[in-house]
Amino acid sequence: MRHIDQAVIQSHGAIRFRSDYHYAVFEYWRSAKLLRYLERAGITQFGRVLDDGCGSGGMSVSFAEETGFVIGIDLSDRFAQVGRQLAKERNAKNIRFAQANGSELPFPNDSFDLILSHAVIEHVSNPSDYLREARRVLRPGGRLFLETAPYLSPSGVHLPRLKWPIPLYLFLGRRAAFQVSCWLAKYAPQSLQATHDDSSFLAKAKRHEENIDDLVYLVTLKNLRQHIADAGFKLVREDLEISKLAKKILPAWLVAKIPDIPFGRNILITNMEYILT
C-alpha cells in the first residue's frame, strides 16, 4: 500500500459517498499518501498503531498491512460492519475496532508507538483534551500524525463548492453558508460542482436525510499550534500546503509569507500536516 495509485484513488473517491463501505475502500487506497508522507518523514517502522478517529476503518486496515497491530476507534460505529468486512477481505487479522471517545481513551499510558489523527480534530468539541489523551497513551519517543485544515479554507470549511466559484462562507459566515448549502443540495443540486456519489450533502439529500454540521472546532493555524503546545507535544515537523491558485497568481516571496499573515493564511493554507512527539 505504499505505492500511490492516483487513478485508483480518484476512481474510489468519485463514488465514496454511495455507502460507508465505499468510503472505507476510498480511505484504504488514499492511505498510501499518508504512508508515503511518514516514510519521507523518516518513520518506516510503526509498531502498535492507534487510528484515533477511524471513521469507516479503511485507513486502519491499510496500516494493519504495514505493521504488527492496529486499533481503530471512533465515536460512531461506522466501522462495525464495513471496517471489519474490509479487514476480512484483505486478510488483516492484526486489527481491532472499538467504539470509544478520543478525549477519554480506554487505554493505559504509553500504549502506542504511532497515533493517527487524519481529518478528525475539527470534529472534536475539546481539541485540548483530545490531544492530551493522545499524548498520554503515546509511548516515549512515539509519534502522532495530525492532519487538518483551517476552517476558512476551501477544504477545511467542509461545504460543497458552487459551480460559480463564490466562497459564500467568507461573506455570510460559515453557519449561514452551511444552511444555504443544505438548501441547495435539496432544492437546487445542479448549482453544486459535485454529484450524489462524491458529496455527502447531495447523498443525504437524495436519501432524505438531514445534514448535521459536525464541524465543531473551527481550526486556525494559531489556535491549533496553541492546542498542540498546551497538550505538551513537541513539534517534529509542520507542513503547510498553500493554495494552488495563490501559488499561481502571487509572487514567490509573498507565497512564502502566507503562513505569517494572520487572516489570509487561514484562507490560503489548504492543508496542515504535523508530526508530533
C-alpha atoms as a PDB file:
ATOM      1  CA  MET A   1       0.000   0.000   0.000  1.00  0.00           C
ATOM      2  CA  ARG A   2       2.986   2.333  -0.118  1.00  0.00           C
ATOM      3  CA  HIS A   3       2.536   2.845  -3.858  1.00  0.00           C
ATOM      4  CA  ILE A   4       0.284   5.817  -4.633  1.00  0.00           C
ATOM      5  CA  ASP A   5      -2.082   4.901  -7.456  1.00  0.00           C
ATOM      6  CA  GLN A   6      -3.721   8.247  -8.154  1.00  0.00           C
ATOM      7  CA  ALA A   7      -6.106   6.821 -10.747  1.00  0.00           C
ATOM      8  CA  VAL A   8      -7.449   4.235  -8.289  1.00  0.00           C
ATOM      9  CA  ILE A   9      -7.747   6.829  -5.520  1.00  0.00           C
ATOM     10  CA  GLN A  10      -9.694   9.136  -7.815  1.00  0.00           C
ATOM     11  CA  SER A  11     -11.981   6.360  -9.029  1.00  0.00           C
ATOM     12  CA  HIS A  12     -12.888   5.349  -5.477  1.00  0.00           C
ATOM     13  CA  GLY A  13     -13.098   8.981  -4.392  1.00  0.00           C
ATOM     14  CA  ALA A  14     -15.695   9.646  -7.091  1.00  0.00           C
ATOM     15  CA  ILE A  15     -18.093   7.105  -5.514  1.00  0.00           C
ATOM     16  CA  ARG A  16     -17.104   7.316  -1.862  1.00  0.00           C
ATOM     17  CA  PHE A  17     -20.477   8.563  -0.626  1.00  0.00           C
ATOM     18  CA  ARG A  18     -22.511   5.677  -2.062  1.00  0.00           C
ATOM     19  CA  SER A  19     -22.144   3.848   1.238  1.00  0.00           C
ATOM     20  CA  ASP A  20     -19.893   3.523   4.280  1.00  0.00           C
ATOM     21  CA  TYR A  21     -18.224   0.568   2.585  1.00  0.00           C
ATOM     22  CA  HIS A  22     -17.387   2.659  -0.477  1.00  0.00           C
ATOM     23  CA  TYR A  23     -15.900   5.293   1.808  1.00  0.00           C
ATOM     24  CA  ALA A  24     -13.820   2.692   3.669  1.00  0.00           C
ATOM     25  CA  VAL A  25     -12.364   1.430   0.388  1.00  0.00           C
ATOM     26  CA  PHE A  26     -11.549   5.004  -0.610  1.00  0.00           C
ATOM     27  CA  GLU A  27      -9.807   5.555   2.753  1.00  0.00           C
ATOM     28  CA  TYR A  28      -7.878   2.325   2.271  1.00  0.00           C
ATOM     29  CA  TRP A  29      -6.402   3.392  -1.070  1.00  0.00           C
ATOM     30  CA  ARG A  30      -5.884   7.027  -0.046  1.00  0.00           C
ATOM     31  CA  SER A  31      -3.786   5.846   2.908  1.00  0.00           C
ATOM     32  CA  ALA A  32      -0.878   5.300   0.526  1.00  0.00           C
ATOM     33  CA  LYS A  33      -0.359   9.072   0.583  1.00  0.00           C
ATOM     34  CA  LEU A  34      -0.044   9.075   4.361  1.00  0.00           C
ATOM     35  CA  LEU A  35       2.280   6.085   4.313  1.00  0.00           C
ATOM     36  CA  ARG A  36       4.489   7.912   1.820  1.00  0.00           C
ATOM     37  CA  TYR A  37       4.426  11.077   3.947  1.00  0.00           C
ATOM     38  CA  LEU A  38       5.512   9.160   7.053  1.00  0.00           C
ATOM     39  CA  GLU A  39       8.239   7.406   5.098  1.00  0.00           C
ATOM     40  CA  ARG A  40       9.608  10.738   3.892  1.00  0.00           C
ATOM     41  CA  ALA A  41       9.498  11.981   7.491  1.00  0.00           C
ATOM     42  CA  GLY A  42      11.753   9.055   8.475  1.00  0.00           C
ATOM     43  CA  ILE A  43       9.026   6.933  10.079  1.00  0.00           C
ATOM     44  CA  THR A  44       9.171   3.496   8.462  1.00  0.00           C
ATOM     45  CA  GLN A  45       8.517   1.220  11.454  1.00  0.00           C
ATOM     46  CA  PHE A  46       5.134   1.785  13.081  1.00  0.00           C
ATOM     47  CA  GLY A  47       4.832  -0.702  15.972  1.00  0.00           C
ATOM     48  CA  ARG A  48       1.474  -0.503  17.766  1.00  0.00           C
ATOM     49  CA  VAL A  49      -0.811   1.952  15.980  1.00  0.00           C
ATOM     50  CA  LEU A  50      -3.928   3.789  17.159  1.00  0.00           C
ATOM     51  CA  ASP A  51      -6.205   5.231  14.461  1.00  0.00           C
ATOM     52  CA  ASP A  52      -7.730   7.901  16.702  1.00  0.00           C
ATOM     53  CA  GLY A  53     -10.971   8.604  14.844  1.00  0.00           C
ATOM     54  CA  CYS A  54     -11.039   5.842  12.246  1.00  0.00           C
ATOM     55  CA  GLY A  55     -14.422   6.534  10.633  1.00  0.00           C
ATOM     56  CA  SER A  56     -15.250   3.610   8.364  1.00  0.00           C
ATOM     57  CA  GLY A  57     -11.908   1.978   9.135  1.00  0.00           C
ATOM     58  CA  GLY A  58     -10.256   1.910   5.731  1.00  0.00           C
ATOM     59  CA  MET A  59      -7.076   3.623   6.925  1.00  0.00           C
ATOM     60  CA  SER A  60      -6.831   1.254   9.890  1.00  0.00           C
ATOM     61  CA  VAL A  61      -6.920  -1.746   7.548  1.00  0.00           C
ATOM     62  CA  SER A  62      -4.261  -0.202   5.328  1.00  0.00           C
ATOM     63  CA  PHE A  63      -1.894   0.280   8.285  1.00  0.00           C
ATOM     64  CA  ALA A  64      -2.613  -3.226   9.559  1.00  0.00           C
ATOM     65  CA  GLU A  65      -0.927  -4.490   6.384  1.00  0.00           C
ATOM     66  CA  GLU A  66       2.181  -2.490   7.271  1.00  0.00           C
ATOM     67  CA  THR A  67       2.732  -3.151  10.970  1.00  0.00           C
ATOM     68  CA  GLY A  68       2.186  -5.514  13.879  1.00  0.00           C
ATOM     69  CA  PHE A  69      -1.051  -4.323  15.457  1.00  0.00           C
ATOM     70  CA  VAL A  70      -3.654  -1.599  14.875  1.00  0.00           C
ATOM     71  CA  ILE A  71      -6.626  -0.410  16.884  1.00  0.00           C
ATOM     72  CA  GLY A  72      -9.197   1.841  15.229  1.00  0.00           C
ATOM     73  CA  ILE A  73     -11.555   3.819  17.457  1.00  0.00           C
ATOM     74  CA  ASP A  74     -14.413   6.172  16.678  1.00  0.00           C
ATOM     75  CA  LEU A  75     -17.362   7.760  18.483  1.00  0.00           C
ATOM     76  CA  SER A  76     -19.741   6.200  15.967  1.00  0.00           C
ATOM     77  CA  ASP A  77     -19.749   2.541  14.984  1.00  0.00           C
ATOM     78  CA  ARG A  78     -19.404   3.099  11.243  1.00  0.00           C
ATOM     79  CA  PHE A  79     -16.552   0.584  11.265  1.00  0.00           C
ATOM     80  CA  ALA A  80     -18.662  -2.135  12.896  1.00  0.00           C
ATOM     81  CA  GLN A  81     -19.589  -3.785   9.620  1.00  0.00           C
ATOM     82  CA  VAL A  82     -17.608  -2.148   6.843  1.00  0.00           C
ATOM     83  CA  GLY A  83     -14.219  -1.899   8.546  1.00  0.00           C
ATOM     84  CA  ARG A  84     -14.371  -5.483   9.712  1.00  0.00           C
ATOM     85  CA  GLN A  85     -15.600  -6.611   6.301  1.00  0.00           C
ATOM     86  CA  LEU A  86     -12.700  -4.854   4.581  1.00  0.00           C
ATOM     87  CA  ALA A  87     -10.224  -6.301   7.105  1.00  0.00           C
ATOM     88  CA  LYS A  88     -11.568  -9.774   6.359  1.00  0.00           C
ATOM     89  CA  GLU A  89     -11.318  -9.198   2.617  1.00  0.00           C
ATOM     90  CA  ARG A  90      -7.713  -8.036   2.991  1.00  0.00           C
ATOM     91  CA  ASN A  91      -6.932 -10.885   5.414  1.00  0.00           C
ATOM     92  CA  ALA A  92      -5.851  -8.391   8.095  1.00  0.00           C
ATOM     93  CA  LYS A  93      -6.042 -10.309  11.372  1.00  0.00           C
ATOM     94  CA  ASN A  94      -3.923  -7.918  13.450  1.00  0.00           C
ATOM     95  CA  ILE A  95      -6.597  -5.234  13.754  1.00  0.00           C
ATOM     96  CA  ARG A  96      -9.286  -4.393  16.300  1.00  0.00           C
ATOM     97  CA  PHE A  97     -12.053  -1.809  16.250  1.00  0.00           C
ATOM     98  CA  ALA A  98     -13.708  -0.220  19.283  1.00  0.00           C
ATOM     99  CA  GLN A  99     -16.338   2.447  19.848  1.00  0.00           C
ATOM    100  CA  ALA A 100     -14.620   4.995  22.074  1.00  0.00           C
ATOM    101  CA  ASN A 101     -14.173   8.712  22.728  1.00  0.00           C
ATOM    102  CA  GLY A 102     -10.825  10.133  21.669  1.00  0.00           C
ATOM    103  CA  SER A 103     -10.997  12.573  24.593  1.00  0.00           C
ATOM    104  CA  GLU A 104     -11.381   9.689  27.085  1.00  0.00           C
ATOM    105  CA  LEU A 105      -9.322   6.864  25.645  1.00  0.00           C
ATOM    106  CA  PRO A 106      -9.823   3.424  27.277  1.00  0.00           C
ATOM    107  CA  PHE A 107      -6.128   2.556  27.115  1.00  0.00           C
ATOM    108  CA  PRO A 108      -3.335   2.697  29.714  1.00  0.00           C
ATOM    109  CA  ASN A 109      -0.476   5.170  29.494  1.00  0.00           C
ATOM    110  CA  ASP A 110       2.273   4.580  26.934  1.00  0.00           C
ATOM    111  CA  SER A 111       0.250   2.089  24.850  1.00  0.00           C
ATOM    112  CA  PHE A 112       1.093   3.086  21.271  1.00  0.00           C
ATOM    113  CA  ASP A 113       4.120   3.832  19.107  1.00  0.00           C
ATOM    114  CA  LEU A 114       2.168   5.756  16.457  1.00  0.00           C
ATOM    115  CA  ILE A 115      -1.157   7.589  16.633  1.00  0.00           C
ATOM    116  CA  LEU A 116      -3.008   8.702  13.515  1.00  0.00           C
ATOM    117  CA  SER A 117      -5.390  11.655  13.521  1.00  0.00           C
ATOM    118  CA  HIS A 118      -6.419  12.265   9.932  1.00  0.00           C
ATOM    119  CA  ALA A 119      -9.186  14.860   9.388  1.00  0.00           C
ATOM    120  CA  VAL A 120     -10.523  14.218  12.900  1.00  0.00           C
ATOM    121  CA  ILE A 121      -9.678  17.081  15.241  1.00  0.00           C
ATOM    122  CA  GLU A 122     -12.027  19.547  13.515  1.00  0.00           C
ATOM    123  CA  HIS A 123     -14.895  17.300  14.622  1.00  0.00           C
ATOM    124  CA  VAL A 124     -13.779  17.266  18.280  1.00  0.00           C
ATOM    125  CA  SER A 125     -15.502  19.591  20.749  1.00  0.00           C
ATOM    126  CA  ASN A 126     -12.478  19.892  23.045  1.00  0.00           C
ATOM    127  CA  PRO A 127      -9.273  19.629  20.979  1.00  0.00           C
ATOM    128  CA  SER A 128      -7.039  20.185  24.015  1.00  0.00           C
ATOM    129  CA  ASP A 129      -8.484  17.152  25.818  1.00  0.00           C
ATOM    130  CA  TYR A 130      -8.243  15.108  22.635  1.00  0.00           C
ATOM    131  CA  LEU A 131      -4.548  15.934  22.209  1.00  0.00           C
ATOM    132  CA  ARG A 132      -3.737  15.424  25.892  1.00  0.00           C
ATOM    133  CA  GLU A 133      -5.277  11.952  25.775  1.00  0.00           C
ATOM    134  CA  ALA A 134      -3.274  11.150  22.650  1.00  0.00           C
ATOM    135  CA  ARG A 135      -0.100  12.235  24.427  1.00  0.00           C
ATOM    136  CA  ARG A 136      -0.985  10.146  27.495  1.00  0.00           C
ATOM    137  CA  VAL A 137      -1.277   6.891  25.523  1.00  0.00           C
ATOM    138  CA  LEU A 138       1.714   7.619  23.276  1.00  0.00           C
ATOM    139  CA  ARG A 139       4.911   5.883  24.312  1.00  0.00           C
ATOM    140  CA  PRO A 140       8.037   7.973  24.973  1.00  0.00           C
ATOM    141  CA  GLY A 141       9.650   8.586  21.607  1.00  0.00           C
ATOM    142  CA  GLY A 142       6.428   7.720  19.789  1.00  0.00           C
ATOM    143  CA  ARG A 143       4.881   9.923  17.128  1.00  0.00           C
ATOM    144  CA  LEU A 144       1.484  11.495  16.498  1.00  0.00           C
ATOM    145  CA  PHE A 145       0.479  12.286  12.924  1.00  0.00           C
ATOM    146  CA  LEU A 146      -2.070  15.102  12.843  1.00  0.00           C
ATOM    147  CA  GLU A 147      -3.811  16.392   9.712  1.00  0.00           C
ATOM    148  CA  THR A 148      -6.481  19.054   9.325  1.00  0.00           C
ATOM    149  CA  ALA A 149      -7.174  22.328   7.501  1.00  0.00           C
ATOM    150  CA  PRO A 150      -8.120  25.879   8.538  1.00  0.00           C
ATOM    151  CA  TYR A 151     -11.901  26.233   8.644  1.00  0.00           C
ATOM    152  CA  LEU A 152     -11.846  29.212   6.261  1.00  0.00           C
ATOM    153  CA  SER A 153     -10.032  27.318   3.510  1.00  0.00           C
ATOM    154  CA  PRO A 154     -11.986  25.591   0.715  1.00  0.00           C
ATOM    155  CA  SER A 155     -11.017  22.153   2.054  1.00  0.00           C
ATOM    156  CA  GLY A 156     -11.392  22.977   5.738  1.00  0.00           C
ATOM    157  CA  VAL A 157     -14.802  24.619   5.530  1.00  0.00           C
ATOM    158  CA  HIS A 158     -16.468  21.237   4.787  1.00  0.00           C
ATOM    159  CA  LEU A 159     -19.023  22.679   2.384  1.00  0.00           C
ATOM    160  CA  PRO A 160     -19.802  21.691  -1.225  1.00  0.00           C
ATOM    161  CA  ARG A 161     -18.400  24.007  -3.861  1.00  0.00           C
ATOM    162  CA  LEU A 162     -20.675  26.004  -6.126  1.00  0.00           C
ATOM    163  CA  LYS A 163     -20.380  25.808  -9.901  1.00  0.00           C
ATOM    164  CA  TRP A 164     -19.821  29.536  -9.656  1.00  0.00           C
ATOM    165  CA  PRO A 165     -16.639  29.967  -7.569  1.00  0.00           C
ATOM    166  CA  ILE A 166     -18.194  32.131  -4.858  1.00  0.00           C
ATOM    167  CA  PRO A 167     -16.934  31.460  -1.294  1.00  0.00           C
ATOM    168  CA  LEU A 168     -20.263  32.125   0.428  1.00  0.00           C
ATOM    169  CA  TYR A 169     -18.821  31.319   3.858  1.00  0.00           C
ATOM    170  CA  LEU A 170     -16.454  34.310   3.629  1.00  0.00           C
ATOM    171  CA  PHE A 171     -19.391  36.650   3.078  1.00  0.00           C
ATOM    172  CA  LEU A 172     -22.188  35.030   5.085  1.00  0.00           C
ATOM    173  CA  GLY A 173     -20.187  33.272   7.792  1.00  0.00           C
ATOM    174  CA  ARG A 174     -19.859  29.522   7.936  1.00  0.00           C
ATOM    175  CA  ARG A 175     -23.059  28.800   9.865  1.00  0.00           C
ATOM    176  CA  ALA A 176     -25.282  30.613   7.352  1.00  0.00           C
ATOM    177  CA  ALA A 177     -23.320  29.141   4.431  1.00  0.00           C
ATOM    178  CA  PHE A 178     -23.956  25.653   5.829  1.00  0.00           C
ATOM    179  CA  GLN A 179     -27.706  26.258   5.826  1.00  0.00           C
ATOM    180  CA  VAL A 180     -27.557  27.632   2.280  1.00  0.00           C
ATOM    181  CA  SER A 181     -25.592  24.542   1.182  1.00  0.00           C
ATOM    182  CA  CYS A 182     -28.214  22.242   2.723  1.00  0.00           C
ATOM    183  CA  TRP A 183     -30.967  24.110   0.856  1.00  0.00           C
ATOM    184  CA  LEU A 184     -29.090  23.983  -2.440  1.00  0.00           C
ATOM    185  CA  ALA A 185     -28.381  20.257  -2.065  1.00  0.00           C
ATOM    186  CA  LYS A 186     -32.072  19.620  -1.556  1.00  0.00           C
ATOM    187  CA  TYR A 187     -33.685  22.034  -3.991  1.00  0.00           C
ATOM    188  CA  ALA A 188     -31.015  23.119  -6.483  1.00  0.00           C
ATOM    189  CA  PRO A 189     -28.384  20.342  -6.703  1.00  0.00           C
ATOM    190  CA  GLN A 190     -27.439  21.481 -10.209  1.00  0.00           C
ATOM    191  CA  SER A 191     -25.842  24.578  -8.627  1.00  0.00           C
ATOM    192  CA  LEU A 192     -23.131  22.446  -6.956  1.00  0.00           C
ATOM    193  CA  GLN A 193     -19.992  21.057  -8.570  1.00  0.00           C
ATOM    194  CA  ALA A 194     -20.413  17.628  -7.001  1.00  0.00           C
ATOM    195  CA  THR A 195     -22.608  14.601  -7.690  1.00  0.00           C
ATOM    196  CA  HIS A 196     -24.550  12.373  -5.306  1.00  0.00           C
ATOM    197  CA  ASP A 197     -21.629   9.934  -5.261  1.00  0.00           C
ATOM    198  CA  ASP A 198     -18.928  12.384  -4.186  1.00  0.00           C
ATOM    199  CA  SER A 199     -20.826  14.806  -1.921  1.00  0.00           C
ATOM    200  CA  SER A 200     -22.239  13.973   1.493  1.00  0.00           C
ATOM    201  CA  PHE A 201     -24.625  16.925   1.154  1.00  0.00           C
ATOM    202  CA  LEU A 202     -26.136  15.590  -2.056  1.00  0.00           C
ATOM    203  CA  ALA A 203     -26.075  11.947  -0.950  1.00  0.00           C
ATOM    204  CA  LYS A 204     -28.003  12.732   2.225  1.00  0.00           C
ATOM    205  CA  ALA A 205     -30.446  14.962   0.382  1.00  0.00           C
ATOM    206  CA  LYS A 206     -31.108  12.124  -2.052  1.00  0.00           C
ATOM    207  CA  ARG A 207     -31.802   9.755   0.860  1.00  0.00           C
ATOM    208  CA  HIS A 208     -33.939  12.433   2.566  1.00  0.00           C
ATOM    209  CA  GLU A 209     -31.520  12.548   5.494  1.00  0.00           C
ATOM    210  CA  GLU A 210     -30.697  15.706   7.394  1.00  0.00           C
ATOM    211  CA  ASN A 211     -27.237  17.189   7.001  1.00  0.00           C
ATOM    212  CA  ILE A 212     -25.918  17.840  10.509  1.00  0.00           C
ATOM    213  CA  ASP A 213     -22.978  20.194  10.897  1.00  0.00           C
ATOM    214  CA  ASP A 214     -20.217  18.215  12.597  1.00  0.00           C
ATOM    215  CA  LEU A 215     -17.507  20.864  12.195  1.00  0.00           C
ATOM    216  CA  VAL A 216     -17.339  21.781  15.870  1.00  0.00           C
ATOM    217  CA  TYR A 217     -13.762  23.030  16.255  1.00  0.00           C
ATOM    218  CA  LEU A 218     -13.009  25.988  13.990  1.00  0.00           C
ATOM    219  CA  VAL A 219      -9.356  25.342  13.236  1.00  0.00           C
ATOM    220  CA  THR A 220      -6.912  28.156  12.599  1.00  0.00           C
ATOM    221  CA  LEU A 221      -3.162  27.891  12.312  1.00  0.00           C
ATOM    222  CA  LYS A 222      -2.735  29.921  15.507  1.00  0.00           C
ATOM    223  CA  ASN A 223      -5.202  28.075  17.722  1.00  0.00           C
ATOM    224  CA  LEU A 224      -4.044  24.653  16.538  1.00  0.00           C
ATOM    225  CA  ARG A 225      -0.435  25.480  17.337  1.00  0.00           C
ATOM    226  CA  GLN A 226      -1.575  26.636  20.775  1.00  0.00           C
ATOM    227  CA  HIS A 227      -3.533  23.432  21.448  1.00  0.00           C
ATOM    228  CA  ILE A 228      -0.511  21.370  20.412  1.00  0.00           C
ATOM    229  CA  ALA A 229       1.727  23.271  22.823  1.00  0.00           C
ATOM    230  CA  ASP A 230      -0.845  23.162  25.642  1.00  0.00           C
ATOM    231  CA  ALA A 231      -1.079  19.378  25.326  1.00  0.00           C
ATOM    232  CA  GLY A 232       2.669  19.098  25.901  1.00  0.00           C
ATOM    233  CA  PHE A 233       3.661  17.920  22.444  1.00  0.00           C
ATOM    234  CA  LYS A 234       6.889  18.882  20.739  1.00  0.00           C
ATOM    235  CA  LEU A 235       6.867  19.735  17.055  1.00  0.00           C
ATOM    236  CA  VAL A 236       8.925  17.391  14.881  1.00  0.00           C
ATOM    237  CA  ARG A 237       7.558  18.554  11.541  1.00  0.00           C
ATOM    238  CA  GLU A 238       4.968  21.024  10.241  1.00  0.00           C
ATOM    239  CA  ASP A 239       3.951  21.037   6.575  1.00  0.00           C
ATOM    240  CA  LEU A 240       1.585  23.757   5.374  1.00  0.00           C
ATOM    241  CA  GLU A 241       0.114  23.365   1.888  1.00  0.00           C
ATOM    242  CA  ILE A 242      -0.583  26.653   0.145  1.00  0.00           C
ATOM    243  CA  SER A 243      -3.472  27.122  -2.293  1.00  0.00           C
ATOM    244  CA  LYS A 244      -2.507  26.256  -5.874  1.00  0.00           C
ATOM    245  CA  LEU A 245      -4.284  29.388  -7.053  1.00  0.00           C
ATOM    246  CA  ALA A 246      -2.248  31.540  -4.655  1.00  0.00           C
ATOM    247  CA  LYS A 247       0.986  29.971  -5.880  1.00  0.00           C
ATOM    248  CA  LYS A 248      -0.084  30.587  -9.461  1.00  0.00           C
ATOM    249  CA  ILE A 249      -1.018  34.249  -9.199  1.00  0.00           C
ATOM    250  CA  LEU A 250       1.143  35.571  -6.340  1.00  0.00           C
ATOM    251  CA  PRO A 251       4.898  36.230  -6.435  1.00  0.00           C
ATOM    252  CA  ALA A 252       7.026  33.605  -4.723  1.00  0.00           C
ATOM    253  CA  TRP A 253       8.156  35.979  -1.967  1.00  0.00           C
ATOM    254  CA  LEU A 254       4.531  36.647  -0.980  1.00  0.00           C
ATOM    255  CA  VAL A 255       3.578  32.960  -1.085  1.00  0.00           C
ATOM    256  CA  ALA A 256       6.434  32.283   1.339  1.00  0.00           C
ATOM    257  CA  LYS A 257       4.982  34.850   3.758  1.00  0.00           C
ATOM    258  CA  ILE A 258       1.413  33.491   3.733  1.00  0.00           C
ATOM    259  CA  PRO A 259       1.869  31.492   6.983  1.00  0.00           C
ATOM    260  CA  ASP A 260       2.762  34.786   8.714  1.00  0.00           C
ATOM    261  CA  ILE A 261      -0.319  36.709   7.514  1.00  0.00           C
ATOM    262  CA  PRO A 262      -2.854  36.415  10.383  1.00  0.00           C
ATOM    263  CA  PHE A 263      -6.149  36.331   8.444  1.00  0.00           C
ATOM    264  CA  GLY A 264      -5.109  35.430   4.930  1.00  0.00           C
ATOM    265  CA  ARG A 265      -3.255  32.284   5.963  1.00  0.00           C
ATOM    266  CA  ASN A 266      -6.456  30.647   7.198  1.00  0.00           C
ATOM    267  CA  ILE A 267      -7.944  31.078   3.731  1.00  0.00           C
ATOM    268  CA  LEU A 268      -4.893  30.286   1.606  1.00  0.00           C
ATOM    269  CA  ILE A 269      -3.476  27.328   3.580  1.00  0.00           C
ATOM    270  CA  THR A 270      -5.432  24.335   2.299  1.00  0.00           C
ATOM    271  CA  ASN A 271      -3.914  21.549   4.416  1.00  0.00           C
ATOM    272  CA  MET A 272      -1.770  21.217   7.545  1.00  0.00           C
ATOM    273  CA  GLU A 273       0.211  18.101   8.472  1.00  0.00           C
ATOM    274  CA  TYR A 274       2.149  17.588  11.685  1.00  0.00           C
ATOM    275  CA  ILE A 275       4.478  15.039  13.197  1.00  0.00           C
ATOM    276  CA  LEU A 276       4.473  15.455  16.980  1.00  0.00           C
ATOM    277  CA  THR A 277       6.236  13.754  19.848  1.00  0.00           C
END
